Amino acid sequence: MAKKVVASLQTAGKSYSKVIRMVKSDKTGAYSFKEEIVPNDKVKDILAKK
């Protein structure tokens, strides 16, 4: 059986979150996904910008 590995994004007392956004390409109109690891206090700012 395969084991599920869970990565911890907490280092040095500061907690982080992985943010995955869907971005539409201007050229082709296709969607792609952009992944970022940001501190928890900046998540709302990252999701608010376009």
PDB file of N, CA and C in Angstrom:
ATOM      1  N   MET A   1       0.829  -1.177   0.000  1.00  0.00           N
ATOM      2  CA  MET A   1       0.000   0.000   0.000  1.00  0.00           C
ATOM      3  C   MET A   1       0.883   1.253   0.000  1.00  0.00           C
ATOM      4  N   ALA A   2       0.392   2.286  -0.640  1.00  0.00           N
ATOM      5  CA  ALA A   2       1.122   3.550  -0.690  1.00  0.00           C
ATOM      6  C   ALA A   2       0.850   4.349   0.574  1.00  0.00           C
ATOM      7  N   LYS A   3       1.860   5.053   1.033  1.00  0.00           N
ATOM      8  CA  LYS A   3       1.717   5.902   2.200  1.00  0.00           C
ATOM      9  C   LYS A   3       1.455   7.332   1.756  1.00  0.00           C
ATOM     10  N   LYS A   4       0.578   8.003   2.453  1.00  0.00           N
ATOM     11  CA  LYS A   4       0.282   9.395   2.162  1.00  0.00           C
ATOM     12  C   LYS A   4       1.254  10.267   2.950  1.00  0.00           C
ATOM     13  N   VAL A   5       1.958  11.147   2.241  1.00  0.00           N
ATOM     14  CA  VAL A   5       2.928  12.025   2.872  1.00  0.00           C
ATOM     15  C   VAL A   5       2.319  13.423   2.973  1.00  0.00           C
ATOM     16  N   VAL A   6       2.342  13.978   4.167  1.00  0.00           N
ATOM     17  CA  VAL A   6       1.804  15.320   4.393  1.00  0.00           C
ATOM     18  C   VAL A   6       2.974  16.238   4.705  1.00  0.00           C
ATOM     19  N   ALA A   7       3.172  17.256   3.874  1.00  0.00           N
ATOM     20  CA  ALA A   7       4.277  18.187   4.077  1.00  0.00           C
ATOM     21  C   ALA A   7       3.854  19.277   5.056  1.00  0.00           C
ATOM     22  N   SER A   8       4.712  19.573   5.966  1.00  0.00           N
ATOM     23  CA  SER A   8       4.452  20.638   6.928  1.00  0.00           C
ATOM     24  C   SER A   8       5.076  21.929   6.400  1.00  0.00           C
ATOM     25  N   LEU A   9       4.291  22.993   6.341  1.00  0.00           N
ATOM     26  CA  LEU A   9       4.784  24.272   5.850  1.00  0.00           C
ATOM     27  C   LEU A   9       5.107  25.227   6.992  1.00  0.00           C
ATOM     28  N   GLN A  10       5.284  24.708   8.196  1.00  0.00           N
ATOM     29  CA  GLN A  10       5.584  25.552   9.341  1.00  0.00           C
ATOM     30  C   GLN A  10       7.073  25.474   9.647  1.00  0.00           C
ATOM     31  N   THR A  11       7.721  26.640   9.635  1.00  0.00           N
ATOM     32  CA  THR A  11       9.138  26.699   9.976  1.00  0.00           C
ATOM     33  C   THR A  11       9.372  27.931  10.833  1.00  0.00           C
ATOM     34  N   ALA A  12      10.168  27.789  11.836  1.00  0.00           N
ATOM     35  CA  ALA A  12      10.597  28.880  12.720  1.00  0.00           C
ATOM     36  C   ALA A  12       9.433  29.647  13.336  1.00  0.00           C
ATOM     37  N   GLY A  13       8.344  28.977  13.634  1.00  0.00           N
ATOM     38  CA  GLY A  13       7.246  29.614  14.336  1.00  0.00           C
ATOM     39  C   GLY A  13       6.296  30.398  13.457  1.00  0.00           C
ATOM     40  N   LYS A  14       6.586  30.587  12.194  1.00  0.00           N
ATOM     41  CA  LYS A  14       5.707  31.329  11.294  1.00  0.00           C
ATOM     42  C   LYS A  14       4.992  30.322  10.406  1.00  0.00           C
ATOM     43  N   SER A  15       3.684  30.445  10.292  1.00  0.00           N
ATOM     44  CA  SER A  15       2.948  29.456   9.510  1.00  0.00           C
ATOM     45  C   SER A  15       2.675  29.993   8.100  1.00  0.00           C
ATOM     46  N   TYR A  16       2.738  29.101   7.148  1.00  0.00           N
ATOM     47  CA  TYR A  16       2.583  29.422   5.743  1.00  0.00           C
ATOM     48  C   TYR A  16       1.426  28.627   5.157  1.00  0.00           C
ATOM     49  N   SER A  17       0.897  29.116   4.043  1.00  0.00           N
ATOM     50  CA  SER A  17      -0.158  28.417   3.319  1.00  0.00           C
ATOM     51  C   SER A  17       0.225  28.342   1.852  1.00  0.00           C
ATOM     52  N   LYS A  18      -0.232  27.299   1.204  1.00  0.00           N
ATOM     53  CA  LYS A  18      -0.009  27.153  -0.228  1.00  0.00           C
ATOM     54  C   LYS A  18      -1.257  27.672  -0.936  1.00  0.00           C
ATOM     55  N   VAL A  19      -1.079  28.678  -1.783  1.00  0.00           N
ATOM     56  CA  VAL A  19      -2.183  29.308  -2.490  1.00  0.00           C
ATOM     57  C   VAL A  19      -2.109  28.880  -3.954  1.00  0.00           C
ATOM     58  N   ILE A  20      -3.212  28.344  -4.470  1.00  0.00           N
ATOM     59  CA  ILE A  20      -3.287  27.928  -5.864  1.00  0.00           C
ATOM     60  C   ILE A  20      -4.363  28.759  -6.538  1.00  0.00           C
ATOM     61  N   ARG A  21      -3.946  29.537  -7.556  1.00  0.00           N
ATOM     62  CA  ARG A  21      -4.885  30.396  -8.266  1.00  0.00           C
ATOM     63  C   ARG A  21      -5.014  29.936  -9.708  1.00  0.00           C
ATOM     64  N   MET A  22      -6.210  30.124 -10.281  1.00  0.00           N
ATOM     65  CA  MET A  22      -6.446  29.808 -11.678  1.00  0.00           C
ATOM     66  C   MET A  22      -6.284  31.103 -12.469  1.00  0.00           C
ATOM     67  N   VAL A  23      -5.403  31.081 -13.478  1.00  0.00           N
ATOM     68  CA  VAL A  23      -5.092  32.273 -14.255  1.00  0.00           C
ATOM     69  C   VAL A  23      -5.425  32.000 -15.718  1.00  0.00           C
ATOM     70  N   LYS A  24      -6.150  32.942 -16.349  1.00  0.00           N
ATOM     71  CA  LYS A  24      -6.524  32.787 -17.752  1.00  0.00           C
ATOM     72  C   LYS A  24      -5.485  33.465 -18.634  1.00  0.00           C
ATOM     73  N   SER A  25      -5.032  32.764 -19.659  1.00  0.00           N
ATOM     74  CA  SER A  25      -4.049  33.295 -20.590  1.00  0.00           C
ATOM     75  C   SER A  25      -4.716  34.266 -21.557  1.00  0.00           C
ATOM     76  N   ASP A  26      -4.066  35.403 -21.802  1.00  0.00           N
ATOM     77  CA  ASP A  26      -4.610  36.378 -22.740  1.00  0.00           C
ATOM     78  C   ASP A  26      -4.485  35.903 -24.193  1.00  0.00           C
ATOM     79  N   LYS A  27      -3.425  35.172 -24.505  1.00  0.00           N
ATOM     80  CA  LYS A  27      -3.189  34.719 -25.880  1.00  0.00           C
ATOM     81  C   LYS A  27      -4.175  33.634 -26.312  1.00  0.00           C
ATOM     82  N   THR A  28      -4.241  32.556 -25.527  1.00  0.00           N
ATOM     83  CA  THR A  28      -5.007  31.388 -25.942  1.00  0.00           C
ATOM     84  C   THR A  28      -6.370  31.274 -25.272  1.00  0.00           C
ATOM     85  N   GLY A  29      -6.555  31.940 -24.160  1.00  0.00           N
ATOM     86  CA  GLY A  29      -7.811  31.828 -23.424  1.00  0.00           C
ATOM     87  C   GLY A  29      -7.864  30.598 -22.533  1.00  0.00           C
ATOM     88  N   ALA A  30      -6.776  29.836 -22.495  1.00  0.00           N
ATOM     89  CA  ALA A  30      -6.726  28.631 -21.663  1.00  0.00           C
ATOM     90  C   ALA A  30      -6.396  29.016 -20.222  1.00  0.00           C
ATOM     91  N   TYR A  31      -6.806  28.187 -19.300  1.00  0.00           N
ATOM     92  CA  TYR A  31      -6.538  28.419 -17.890  1.00  0.00           C
ATOM     93  C   TYR A  31      -5.318  27.626 -17.449  1.00  0.00           C
ATOM     94  N   SER A  32      -4.531  28.216 -16.560  1.00  0.00           N
ATOM     95  CA  SER A  32      -3.408  27.519 -15.951  1.00  0.00           C
ATOM     96  C   SER A  32      -3.457  27.803 -14.451  1.00  0.00           C
ATOM     97  N   PHE A  33      -2.684  27.070 -13.695  1.00  0.00           N
ATOM     98  CA  PHE A  33      -2.689  27.208 -12.249  1.00  0.00           C
ATOM     99  C   PHE A  33      -1.347  27.751 -11.781  1.00  0.00           C
ATOM    100  N   LYS A  34      -1.397  28.735 -10.889  1.00  0.00           N
ATOM    101  CA  LYS A  34      -0.203  29.340 -10.330  1.00  0.00           C
ATOM    102  C   LYS A  34      -0.168  29.025  -8.846  1.00  0.00           C
ATOM    103  N   GLU A  35       0.917  28.417  -8.402  1.00  0.00           N
ATOM    104  CA  GLU A  35       1.047  28.019  -7.003  1.00  0.00           C
ATOM    105  C   GLU A  35       2.070  28.908  -6.310  1.00  0.00           C
ATOM    106  N   GLU A  36       1.743  29.346  -5.087  1.00  0.00           N
ATOM    107  CA  GLU A  36       2.646  30.156  -4.282  1.00  0.00           C
ATOM    108  C   GLU A  36       2.549  29.710  -2.829  1.00  0.00           C
ATOM    109  N   ILE A  37       3.647  29.811  -2.112  1.00  0.00           N
ATOM    110  CA  ILE A  37       3.640  29.568  -0.674  1.00  0.00           C
ATOM    111  C   ILE A  37       3.848  30.921  -0.010  1.00  0.00           C
ATOM    112  N   VAL A  38       2.845  31.354   0.748  1.00  0.00           N
ATOM    113  CA  VAL A  38       2.854  32.690   1.354  1.00  0.00           C
ATOM    114  C   VAL A  38       2.536  32.590   2.840  1.00  0.00           C
ATOM    115  N   PRO A  39       2.951  33.594   3.617  1.00  0.00           N
ATOM    116  CA  PRO A  39       2.583  33.616   5.041  1.00  0.00           C
ATOM    117  C   PRO A  39       1.070  33.761   5.196  1.00  0.00           C
ATOM    118  N   ASN A  40       0.528  33.230   6.271  1.00  0.00           N
ATOM    119  CA  ASN A  40      -0.923  33.244   6.478  1.00  0.00           C
ATOM    120  C   ASN A  40      -1.517  34.651   6.493  1.00  0.00           C
ATOM    121  N   ASP A  41      -0.772  35.633   6.975  1.00  0.00           N
ATOM    122  CA  ASP A  41      -1.321  36.986   7.038  1.00  0.00           C
ATOM    123  C   ASP A  41      -1.386  37.667   5.666  1.00  0.00           C
ATOM    124  N   LYS A  42      -0.750  37.114   4.629  1.00  0.00           N
ATOM    125  CA  LYS A  42      -0.768  37.705   3.287  1.00  0.00           C
ATOM    126  C   LYS A  42      -1.703  36.979   2.321  1.00  0.00           C
ATOM    127  N   VAL A  43      -2.397  35.943   2.766  1.00  0.00           N
ATOM    128  CA  VAL A  43      -3.228  35.129   1.868  1.00  0.00           C
ATOM    129  C   VAL A  43      -4.339  35.960   1.234  1.00  0.00           C
ATOM    130  N   LYS A  44      -5.033  36.757   2.022  1.00  0.00           N
ATOM    131  CA  LYS A  44      -6.132  37.550   1.479  1.00  0.00           C
ATOM    132  C   LYS A  44      -5.646  38.580   0.465  1.00  0.00           C
ATOM    133  N   ASP A  45      -4.454  39.154   0.684  1.00  0.00           N
ATOM    134  CA  ASP A  45      -3.894  40.111  -0.271  1.00  0.00           C
ATOM    135  C   ASP A  45      -3.565  39.439  -1.597  1.00  0.00           C
ATOM    136  N   ILE A  46      -3.013  38.244  -1.538  1.00  0.00           N
ATOM    137  CA  ILE A  46      -2.646  37.521  -2.759  1.00  0.00           C
ATOM    138  C   ILE A  46      -3.897  37.152  -3.556  1.00  0.00           C
ATOM    139  N   LEU A  47      -4.943  36.697  -2.871  1.00  0.00           N
ATOM    140  CA  LEU A  47      -6.161  36.290  -3.567  1.00  0.00           C
ATOM    141  C   LEU A  47      -6.956  37.483  -4.098  1.00  0.00           C
ATOM    142  N   ALA A  48      -6.797  38.651  -3.502  1.00  0.00           N
ATOM    143  CA  ALA A  48      -7.538  39.834  -3.923  1.00  0.00           C
ATOM    144  C   ALA A  48      -7.000  40.429  -5.216  1.00  0.00           C
ATOM    145  N   LYS A  49      -5.680  40.307  -5.453  1.00  0.00           N
ATOM    146  CA  LYS A  49      -5.121  40.906  -6.662  1.00  0.00           C
ATOM    147  C   LYS A  49      -5.408  40.035  -7.880  1.00  0.00           C
ATOM    148  N   LYS A  50      -5.491  40.685  -9.041  1.00  0.00           N
ATOM    149  CA  LYS A  50      -5.788  39.949 -10.271  1.00  0.00           C
ATOM    150  C   LYS A  50      -4.648  40.024 -11.234  1.00  0.00           C
TER     151      LYS A  50
END
